[in-house]
C-alpha atoms as a PDB file:
ATOM      1  CA  UNK A   1       4.990  -1.421  12.895  1.00  0.00           C
ATOM      2  CA  UNK A   2       6.256  -0.165   9.515  1.00  0.00           C
ATOM      3  CA  UNK A   3       5.347  -3.786   8.003  1.00  0.00           C
ATOM      4  CA  UNK A   4       1.871  -3.000   9.201  1.00  0.00           C
ATOM      5  CA  UNK A   5       1.782   0.412   7.605  1.00  0.00           C
ATOM      6  CA  UNK A   6       3.389  -0.724   4.377  1.00  0.00           C
ATOM      7  CA  UNK A   7       1.175  -3.785   4.119  1.00  0.00           C
ATOM      8  CA  UNK A   8      -1.943  -2.053   4.513  1.00  0.00           C
ATOM      9  CA  UNK A   9      -1.333   1.386   3.142  1.00  0.00           C
ATOM     10  CA  UNK A  10      -0.549  -0.557   0.436  1.00  0.00           C
ATOM     11  CA  UNK A  11      -2.374  -2.696   0.838  1.00  0.00           C
ATOM     12  CA  UNK A  12      -3.227  -2.584  -0.564  1.00  0.00           C
ATOM     13  CA  UNK A  13      -2.147  -4.890  -1.794  1.00  0.00           C
ATOM     14  CA  UNK A  14      -3.210  -5.914  -4.755  1.00  0.00           C
ATOM     15  CA  UNK A  15      -3.779  -8.004  -7.894  1.00  0.00           C
ATOM     16  CA  UNK A  16      -6.977  -9.177  -8.238  1.00  0.00           C
ATOM     17  CA  UNK A  17      -9.268 -11.822  -9.069  1.00  0.00           C
ATOM     18  CA  UNK A  18     -12.414  -9.885  -8.950  1.00  0.00           C
ATOM     19  CA  UNK A  19     -14.638  -7.263 -10.167  1.00  0.00           C
ATOM     20  CA  UNK A  20     -12.290  -4.573 -10.595  1.00  0.00           C
ATOM     21  CA  UNK A  21     -13.379  -2.702 -13.855  1.00  0.00           C
ATOM     22  CA  UNK A  22     -10.483  -1.755 -16.358  1.00  0.00           C
ATOM     23  CA  UNK A  23     -12.983   0.813 -18.199  1.00  0.00           C
ATOM     24  CA  UNK A  24     -13.365   2.488 -14.655  1.00  0.00           C
ATOM     25  CA  UNK A  25     -10.402   4.338 -14.783  1.00  0.00           C
ATOM     26  CA  UNK A  26     -11.877   6.501 -17.844  1.00  0.00           C
ATOM     27  CA  UNK A  27      -8.809   7.738 -19.190  1.00  0.00           C
ATOM     28  CA  UNK A  28      -7.975   9.600 -16.019  1.00  0.00           C
ATOM     29  CA  UNK A  29      -4.799   8.661 -14.118  1.00  0.00           C
ATOM     30  CA  UNK A  30      -5.157   8.799 -10.266  1.00  0.00           C
ATOM     31  CA  UNK A  31      -1.397   9.452  -9.777  1.00  0.00           C
ATOM     32  CA  UNK A  32       1.476  10.740 -11.754  1.00  0.00           C
ATOM     33  CA  UNK A  33       5.260  10.890 -11.305  1.00  0.00           C
ATOM     34  CA  UNK A  34       5.826  13.740  -8.828  1.00  0.00           C
ATOM     35  CA  UNK A  35       3.340  12.617  -6.351  1.00  0.00           C
ATOM     36  CA  UNK A  36       4.329  12.681  -2.484  1.00  0.00           C
ATOM     37  CA  UNK A  37       2.250  11.518   0.326  1.00  0.00           C
ATOM     38  CA  UNK A  38       3.574  11.732   3.657  1.00  0.00           C
ATOM     39  CA  UNK A  39       2.128   9.980   6.870  1.00  0.00           C
ATOM     40  CA  UNK A  40       2.331  10.302  10.329  1.00  0.00           C
ATOM     41  CA  UNK A  41       1.697   7.366  12.433  1.00  0.00           C
ATOM     42  CA  UNK A  42       0.066   7.675  15.913  1.00  0.00           C
ATOM     43  CA  UNK A  43      -0.148   5.012  18.575  1.00  0.00           C
ATOM     44  CA  UNK A  44      -2.748   6.260  20.920  1.00  0.00           C
ATOM     45  CA  UNK A  45      -1.872   9.701  21.620  1.00  0.00           C
ATOM     46  CA  UNK A  46       1.945   9.408  20.824  1.00  0.00           C
ATOM     47  CA  UNK A  47       3.563  10.176  17.226  1.00  0.00           C
ATOM     48  CA  UNK A  48       5.395   7.045  16.939  1.00  0.00           C
ATOM     49  CA  UNK A  49       6.288   6.877  13.172  1.00  0.00           C
ATOM     50  CA  UNK A  50       6.676   8.542  10.021  1.00  0.00           C
ATOM     51  CA  UNK A  51       6.137   6.970   6.402  1.00  0.00           C
ATOM     52  CA  UNK A  52       6.357   8.331   2.943  1.00  0.00           C
ATOM     53  CA  UNK A  53       5.676   7.258  -0.615  1.00  0.00           C
ATOM     54  CA  UNK A  54       7.036   8.911  -3.672  1.00  0.00           C
ATOM     55  CA  UNK A  55       6.630   8.416  -7.434  1.00  0.00           C
ATOM     56  CA  UNK A  56       8.934   9.298  -9.947  1.00  0.00           C
ATOM     57  CA  UNK A  57       9.745   8.444 -13.575  1.00  0.00           C
ATOM     58  CA  UNK A  58      13.026   6.392 -14.106  1.00  0.00           C
ATOM     59  CA  UNK A  59      14.692   4.198 -16.694  1.00  0.00           C
ATOM     60  CA  UNK A  60      15.352   0.604 -15.980  1.00  0.00           C
ATOM     61  CA  UNK A  61      16.810  -1.771 -18.669  1.00  0.00           C
ATOM     62  CA  UNK A  62      15.790   0.680 -21.632  1.00  0.00           C
ATOM     63  CA  UNK A  63      12.259   1.157 -20.351  1.00  0.00           C
ATOM     64  CA  UNK A  64      10.459   4.132 -18.812  1.00  0.00           C
ATOM     65  CA  UNK A  65       8.719   2.957 -15.633  1.00  0.00           C
ATOM     66  CA  UNK A  66       7.106   4.597 -12.617  1.00  0.00           C
ATOM     67  CA  UNK A  67       9.702   4.112  -9.556  1.00  0.00           C
ATOM     68  CA  UNK A  68       7.501   4.113  -6.389  1.00  0.00           C
ATOM     69  CA  UNK A  69       9.632   4.469  -3.153  1.00  0.00           C
ATOM     70  CA  UNK A  70       8.627   3.925   0.430  1.00  0.00           C
ATOM     71  CA  UNK A  71      10.335   5.006   3.463  1.00  0.00           C
ATOM     72  CA  UNK A  72       9.290   4.511   7.136  1.00  0.00           C
ATOM     73  CA  UNK A  73      10.934   5.124  10.369  1.00  0.00           C
ATOM     74  CA  UNK A  74      10.101   5.384  14.252  1.00  0.00           C
ATOM     75  CA  UNK A  75      10.215   8.941  15.623  1.00  0.00           C
ATOM     76  CA  UNK A  76      10.422  10.263  19.233  1.00  0.00           C
ATOM     77  CA  UNK A  77      10.298   8.332  22.447  1.00  0.00           C
ATOM     78  CA  UNK A  78       9.342   5.156  20.354  1.00  0.00           C
ATOM     79  CA  UNK A  79      12.819   5.340  18.331  1.00  0.00           C
ATOM     80  CA  UNK A  80      14.411   5.184  21.627  1.00  0.00           C
ATOM     81  CA  UNK A  81      12.640   1.854  22.438  1.00  0.00           C
ATOM     82  CA  UNK A  82      12.162   0.273  18.762  1.00  0.00           C
ATOM     83  CA  UNK A  83      14.322   1.826  16.126  1.00  0.00           C
ATOM     84  CA  UNK A  84      12.512   1.193  12.711  1.00  0.00           C
ATOM     85  CA  UNK A  85      14.300   2.144   9.390  1.00  0.00           C
ATOM     86  CA  UNK A  86      12.741   0.793   6.194  1.00  0.00           C
ATOM     87  CA  UNK A  87      13.133   1.321   2.437  1.00  0.00           C
ATOM     88  CA  UNK A  88      11.052   0.087  -0.425  1.00  0.00           C
ATOM     89  CA  UNK A  89      11.165   0.200  -4.016  1.00  0.00           C
ATOM     90  CA  UNK A  90       8.944  -0.745  -6.715  1.00  0.00           C
ATOM     91  CA  UNK A  91       9.602  -0.110 -10.381  1.00  0.00           C
ATOM     92  CA  UNK A  92       6.386  -0.678 -12.514  1.00  0.00           C
ATOM     93  CA  UNK A  93       4.700  -0.131 -15.863  1.00  0.00           C
ATOM     94  CA  UNK A  94       2.520   3.026 -15.535  1.00  0.00           C
ATOM     95  CA  UNK A  95      -0.058   1.696 -17.999  1.00  0.00           C
ATOM     96  CA  UNK A  96      -1.288  -1.389 -16.462  1.00  0.00           C
ATOM     97  CA  UNK A  97       0.583  -1.372 -13.171  1.00  0.00           C
ATOM     98  CA  UNK A  98       2.634  -4.573 -13.819  1.00  0.00           C
ATOM     99  CA  UNK A  99       5.838  -4.724 -11.448  1.00  0.00           C
ATOM    100  CA  UNK A 100       9.236  -5.337 -12.759  1.00  0.00           C
ATOM    101  CA  UNK A 101      11.638  -4.737  -9.821  1.00  0.00           C
ATOM    102  CA  UNK A 102      11.025  -4.744  -6.320  1.00  0.00           C
ATOM    103  CA  UNK A 103      13.462  -3.903  -3.289  1.00  0.00           C
ATOM    104  CA  UNK A 104      13.006  -4.167   0.138  1.00  0.00           C
ATOM    105  CA  UNK A 105      15.821  -3.465   2.853  1.00  0.00           C
ATOM    106  CA  UNK A 106      14.665  -3.037   6.472  1.00  0.00           C
ATOM    107  CA  UNK A 107      15.540  -2.681   9.973  1.00  0.00           C
ATOM    108  CA  UNK A 108      13.354  -3.177  12.598  1.00  0.00           C
ATOM    109  CA  UNK A 109      14.453  -3.307  16.268  1.00  0.00           C
ATOM    110  CA  UNK A 110      17.402  -5.519  15.375  1.00  0.00           C
ATOM    111  CA  UNK A 111      15.310  -7.612  12.620  1.00  0.00           C
ATOM    112  CA  UNK A 112      17.058  -6.952   9.217  1.00  0.00           C
ATOM    113  CA  UNK A 113      16.264  -8.201   5.543  1.00  0.00           C
ATOM    114  CA  UNK A 114      17.460  -7.075   2.281  1.00  0.00           C
ATOM    115  CA  UNK A 115      16.154  -8.470  -0.876  1.00  0.00           C
ATOM    116  CA  UNK A 116      15.600  -7.976  -4.528  1.00  0.00           C
ATOM    117  CA  UNK A 117      12.886  -9.279  -6.863  1.00  0.00           C
ATOM    118  CA  UNK A 118      12.796  -9.303 -10.719  1.00  0.00           C
ATOM    119  CA  UNK A 119       9.250 -10.108 -11.944  1.00  0.00           C
ATOM    120  CA  UNK A 120       8.801 -11.948 -15.325  1.00  0.00           C
ATOM    121  CA  UNK A 121       5.026 -11.252 -16.015  1.00  0.00           C
ATOM    122  CA  UNK A 122       5.269 -13.310 -19.428  1.00  0.00           C
ATOM    123  CA  UNK A 123       6.321 -16.550 -17.662  1.00  0.00           C
ATOM    124  CA  UNK A 124       4.850 -15.750 -14.256  1.00  0.00           C
ATOM    125  CA  UNK A 125       7.842 -15.974 -12.292  1.00  0.00           C
ATOM    126  CA  UNK A 126       9.786 -14.070  -9.652  1.00  0.00           C
ATOM    127  CA  UNK A 127      13.533 -14.414  -9.275  1.00  0.00           C
ATOM    128  CA  UNK A 128      14.490 -13.725  -5.562  1.00  0.00           C
ATOM    129  CA  UNK A 129      17.819 -12.429  -4.314  1.00  0.00           C
ATOM    130  CA  UNK A 130      18.126 -12.314  -0.779  1.00  0.00           C
ATOM    131  CA  UNK A 131      21.294 -10.249  -0.462  1.00  0.00           C
ATOM    132  CA  UNK A 132      21.439 -10.847   3.438  1.00  0.00           C
ATOM    133  CA  UNK A 133      21.286 -14.617   3.109  1.00  0.00           C
ATOM    134  CA  UNK A 134      23.504 -14.720  -0.259  1.00  0.00           C
ATOM    135  CA  UNK A 135      20.699 -16.831  -1.972  1.00  0.00           C
ATOM    136  CA  UNK A 136      18.939 -16.586  -5.396  1.00  0.00           C
ATOM    137  CA  UNK A 137      15.655 -18.668  -6.086  1.00  0.00           C
ATOM    138  CA  UNK A 138      13.275 -18.598  -9.000  1.00  0.00           C
ATOM    139  CA  UNK A 139       9.554 -18.783  -7.598  1.00  0.00           C
ATOM    140  CA  UNK A 140       6.377 -19.123  -9.698  1.00  0.00           C
ATOM    141  CA  UNK A 141       3.813 -16.502  -9.311  1.00  0.00           C
ATOM    142  CA  UNK A 142       0.356 -16.119  -9.710  1.00  0.00           C
ATOM    143  CA  UNK A 143      -1.316 -14.248 -12.760  1.00  0.00           C
ATOM    144  CA  UNK A 144      -1.663 -10.424 -12.156  1.00  0.00           C
ATOM    145  CA  UNK A 145       0.788 -10.525  -9.308  1.00  0.00           C
ATOM    146  CA  UNK A 146       1.681  -7.197  -7.270  1.00  0.00           C
ATOM    147  CA  UNK A 147       4.362  -6.698  -4.990  1.00  0.00           C
ATOM    148  CA  UNK A 148       3.901  -4.879  -1.652  1.00  0.00           C
ATOM    149  CA  UNK A 149       4.160  -1.625  -3.106  1.00  0.00           C
ATOM    150  CA  UNK A 150       2.817  -1.538  -6.739  1.00  0.00           C
ATOM    151  CA  UNK A 151      -0.402  -3.195  -5.302  1.00  0.00           C
ATOM    152  CA  UNK A 152      -1.451   0.202  -3.769  1.00  0.00           C
ATOM    153  CA  UNK A 153      -1.244   1.886  -7.348  1.00  0.00           C
ATOM    154  CA  UNK A 154      -2.959  -1.139  -9.058  1.00  0.00           C
ATOM    155  CA  UNK A 155      -5.874  -0.579  -6.638  1.00  0.00           C
ATOM    156  CA  UNK A 156      -5.986   3.095  -7.167  1.00  0.00           C
ATOM    157  CA  UNK A 157      -5.892   2.884 -10.996  1.00  0.00           C
ATOM    158  CA  UNK A 158      -8.478  -0.102 -11.282  1.00  0.00           C
ATOM    159  CA  UNK A 159     -10.878  -0.064  -8.434  1.00  0.00           C
ATOM    160  CA  UNK A 160     -14.679   0.882  -9.058  1.00  0.00           C
ATOM    161  CA  UNK A 161     -17.184   0.720  -6.186  1.00  0.00           C
ATOM    162  CA  UNK A 162     -19.658   0.436  -9.296  1.00  0.00           C
ATOM    163  CA  UNK A 163     -18.743  -3.304  -9.660  1.00  0.00           C
ATOM    164  CA  UNK A 164     -19.108  -4.205  -6.169  1.00  0.00           C
ATOM    165  CA  UNK A 165     -21.746  -4.492  -3.501  1.00  0.00           C
ATOM    166  CA  UNK A 166     -21.428  -3.554   0.189  1.00  0.00           C
ATOM    167  CA  UNK A 167     -20.160  -6.583   2.021  1.00  0.00           C
ATOM    168  CA  UNK A 168     -18.711  -8.406  -0.919  1.00  0.00           C
ATOM    169  CA  UNK A 169     -15.193  -9.513  -0.649  1.00  0.00           C
ATOM    170  CA  UNK A 170     -12.441  -9.527  -3.175  1.00  0.00           C
ATOM    171  CA  UNK A 171      -9.267 -11.440  -3.723  1.00  0.00           C
ATOM    172  CA  UNK A 172      -5.828  -9.946  -4.126  1.00  0.00           C
ATOM    173  CA  UNK A 173      -2.822 -11.654  -5.350  1.00  0.00           C
ATOM    174  CA  UNK A 174       0.502 -10.254  -4.091  1.00  0.00           C
ATOM    175  CA  UNK A 175       4.014 -11.658  -3.714  1.00  0.00           C
ATOM    176  CA  UNK A 176       5.457 -10.817  -0.297  1.00  0.00           C
ATOM    177  CA  UNK A 177       8.069 -12.490   1.741  1.00  0.00           C
ATOM    178  CA  UNK A 178       9.054 -14.842  -1.465  1.00  0.00           C
ATOM    179  CA  UNK A 179       5.700 -16.300  -1.142  1.00  0.00           C
ATOM    180  CA  UNK A 180       2.415 -15.968  -3.213  1.00  0.00           C
ATOM    181  CA  UNK A 181      -0.167 -14.801  -0.695  1.00  0.00           C
ATOM    182  CA  UNK A 182      -4.197 -14.055  -1.139  1.00  0.00           C
ATOM    183  CA  UNK A 183      -5.635 -11.260   0.764  1.00  0.00           C
ATOM    184  CA  UNK A 184      -9.419 -10.646   1.378  1.00  0.00           C
ATOM    185  CA  UNK A 185     -10.885  -7.409   1.517  1.00  0.00           C
ATOM    186  CA  UNK A 186     -14.477  -6.440   2.361  1.00  0.00           C
ATOM    187  CA  UNK A 187     -15.786  -3.582   0.590  1.00  0.00           C
ATOM    188  CA  UNK A 188     -17.603  -1.482   3.438  1.00  0.00           C
ATOM    189  CA  UNK A 189     -19.185   1.447   1.399  1.00  0.00           C
ATOM    190  CA  UNK A 190     -18.665   4.902   1.649  1.00  0.00           C
ATOM    191  CA  UNK A 191     -17.952   7.104   4.641  1.00  0.00           C
ATOM    192  CA  UNK A 192     -16.821  10.857   5.443  1.00  0.00           C
ATOM    193  CA  UNK A 193     -13.969  11.077   7.540  1.00  0.00           C
ATOM    194  CA  UNK A 194     -12.665  14.286   9.345  1.00  0.00           C
ATOM    195  CA  UNK A 195      -9.134  14.979   8.261  1.00  0.00           C
ATOM    196  CA  UNK A 196      -6.601  18.061   9.003  1.00  0.00           C
ATOM    197  CA  UNK A 197      -7.376  19.014   5.305  1.00  0.00           C
ATOM    198  CA  UNK A 198     -11.575  18.951   5.948  1.00  0.00           C
ATOM    199  CA  UNK A 199     -14.196  16.597   5.633  1.00  0.00           C
ATOM    200  CA  UNK A 200     -13.319  13.827   2.905  1.00  0.00           C
ATOM    201  CA  UNK A 201     -15.798  11.230   1.204  1.00  0.00           C
ATOM    202  CA  UNK A 202     -13.792   7.832   1.183  1.00  0.00           C
ATOM    203  CA  UNK A 203     -14.284   4.400   0.192  1.00  0.00           C
ATOM    204  CA  UNK A 204     -14.031   2.110   3.008  1.00  0.00           C
ATOM    205  CA  UNK A 205     -12.029  -1.083   2.821  1.00  0.00           C
ATOM    206  CA  UNK A 206     -11.535  -3.842   5.566  1.00  0.00           C
ATOM    207  CA  UNK A 207      -8.700  -6.702   5.082  1.00  0.00           C
ATOM    208  CA  UNK A 208      -9.988  -9.999   6.680  1.00  0.00           C
ATOM    209  CA  UNK A 209      -7.529 -10.744   9.609  1.00  0.00           C
ATOM    210  CA  UNK A 210      -7.132 -13.165  11.955  1.00  0.00           C
ATOM    211  CA  UNK A 211      -6.741 -13.126  15.705  1.00  0.00           C
ATOM    212  CA  UNK A 212      -3.095 -12.983  16.729  1.00  0.00           C
ATOM    213  CA  UNK A 213      -0.451 -11.761  19.182  1.00  0.00           C
ATOM    214  CA  UNK A 214      -0.985  -8.627  17.628  1.00  0.00           C
ATOM    215  CA  UNK A 215      -4.488  -8.101  15.946  1.00  0.00           C
ATOM    216  CA  UNK A 216      -7.796  -8.427  17.676  1.00  0.00           C
ATOM    217  CA  UNK A 217      -9.202 -10.152  14.861  1.00  0.00           C
ATOM    218  CA  UNK A 218     -11.826  -9.661  12.040  1.00  0.00           C
ATOM    219  CA  UNK A 219     -12.338  -6.002  11.460  1.00  0.00           C
ATOM    220  CA  UNK A 220      -8.959  -5.247  13.136  1.00  0.00           C
ATOM    221  CA  UNK A 221      -7.598  -3.037  10.044  1.00  0.00           C
ATOM    222  CA  UNK A 222      -9.409  -0.271   8.032  1.00  0.00           C
ATOM    223  CA  UNK A 223      -8.457   1.442   4.871  1.00  0.00           C
ATOM    224  CA  UNK A 224      -9.949   4.782   3.695  1.00  0.00           C
ATOM    225  CA  UNK A 225      -9.269   5.762   0.216  1.00  0.00           C
ATOM    226  CA  UNK A 226     -10.574   9.069  -1.105  1.00  0.00           C
ATOM    227  CA  UNK A 227     -13.680   8.897  -3.331  1.00  0.00           C
ATOM    228  CA  UNK A 228     -12.421  10.995  -6.090  1.00  0.00           C
ATOM    229  CA  UNK A 229     -10.173  10.663  -8.854  1.00  0.00           C
ATOM    230  CA  UNK A 230      -7.152  10.202  -6.656  1.00  0.00           C
ATOM    231  CA  UNK A 231      -7.996   7.163  -4.658  1.00  0.00           C
ATOM    232  CA  UNK A 232      -5.299   8.159  -2.142  1.00  0.00           C
ATOM    233  CA  UNK A 233      -5.159   6.207   0.742  1.00  0.00           C
ATOM    234  CA  UNK A 234      -5.923   8.867   3.246  1.00  0.00           C
ATOM    235  CA  UNK A 235      -6.099   6.711   6.551  1.00  0.00           C
ATOM    236  CA  UNK A 236      -5.101   3.393   7.830  1.00  0.00           C
ATOM    237  CA  UNK A 237      -6.074   2.165  11.428  1.00  0.00           C
ATOM    238  CA  UNK A 238      -5.194  -0.845  12.872  1.00  0.00           C
ATOM    239  CA  UNK A 239      -6.849  -2.191  16.136  1.00  0.00           C
ATOM    240  CA  UNK A 240      -4.138  -4.251  18.336  1.00  0.00           C
ATOM    241  CA  UNK A 241      -4.534  -6.289  21.337  1.00  0.00           C
ATOM    242  CA  UNK A 242      -2.943  -3.247  23.272  1.00  0.00           C
ATOM    243  CA  UNK A 243      -4.376  -0.138  21.624  1.00  0.00           C
ATOM    244  CA  UNK A 244      -4.355   0.714  18.218  1.00  0.00           C
ATOM    245  CA  UNK A 245      -2.177   2.411  15.598  1.00  0.00           C
ATOM    246  CA  UNK A 246      -3.434   4.903  13.273  1.00  0.00           C
ATOM    247  CA  UNK A 247      -1.859   6.533   9.667  1.00  0.00           C
ATOM    248  CA  UNK A 248      -2.929   9.888   8.369  1.00  0.00           C
ATOM    249  CA  UNK A 249      -1.840  11.807   5.461  1.00  0.00           C
ATOM    250  CA  UNK A 250       0.139  14.557   6.979  1.00  0.00           C
ATOM    251  CA  UNK A 251       1.200  16.306   3.630  1.00  0.00           C
ATOM    252  CA  UNK A 252       0.867  15.397   0.043  1.00  0.00           C
ATOM    253  CA  UNK A 253       1.933  16.981  -3.203  1.00  0.00           C
ATOM    254  CA  UNK A 254       2.146  16.691  -6.722  1.00  0.00           C
ATOM    255  CA  UNK A 255      -1.244  14.827  -6.995  1.00  0.00           C
ATOM    256  CA  UNK A 256      -2.639  14.136 -10.424  1.00  0.00           C
ATOM    257  CA  UNK A 257      -6.248  15.649  -9.395  1.00  0.00           C
ATOM    258  CA  UNK A 258      -7.596  18.045  -7.008  1.00  0.00           C
ATOM    259  CA  UNK A 259      -8.657  15.985  -3.588  1.00  0.00           C
ATOM    260  CA  UNK A 260     -12.359  16.916  -3.282  1.00  0.00           C
ATOM    261  CA  UNK A 261     -12.817  18.527   0.225  1.00  0.00           C
ATOM    262  CA  UNK A 262     -16.133  19.200   1.534  1.00  0.00           C
ATOM    263  CA  UNK A 263     -16.891  22.666   3.097  1.00  0.00           C
ATOM    264  CA  UNK A 264     -18.754  23.047   6.165  1.00  0.00           C
ATOM    265  CA  UNK A 265     -21.553  25.906   5.923  1.00  0.00           C
END
């Protein structure tokens, strides 16, 4: 469950091959050190999980980088049946969101994974240290590669709907589970959604998914980013073969710009 949330919260995945406009940021940063996003994950009417993303400024090998820390766990009754405790860390350059070091340490119902990835963007390589298995391997990566966490911040910093039409797809290069993966996301236009903070206009994205033992197929996952200077992933929804999962922002603090909330008359 947490893998779904972090994979599509973030989805966000992304390093792109597309029409992202580098000039779209207009010198306005959509995030900064100190930002905290907390999500409540619902399965139907039940509170099933909690997830958070936190940004801080850290030193690594003499460089000042942003550290994005992701944490997720099941709560309440869900924890009794399926315990999840997931930790993610991504160190990346704040200027162009180039990942430098990534850590993933997860426990999901007895399944565990503990690995570290050092990225060399100059030579397009990733050194994967699988701590659980005790192996180290060097893998060639695609250009503009992103890890599971940095991909979200890359998207937030560079995406501009000015250069993409509704219904168009774009490609995202991501290094995940020691493999280069391509993800296609469909731009569905803008939509106003109701949140606990009020009505917020959002950019609607839909990753391409195939029918599986979990997902219904195409259109199973939807992500809403606030259509303001922050591009916060305010909601993620996944329609499963049995029920649906929805992650909504429960709390936020330290954001770079005010969230634009529509006030009802």
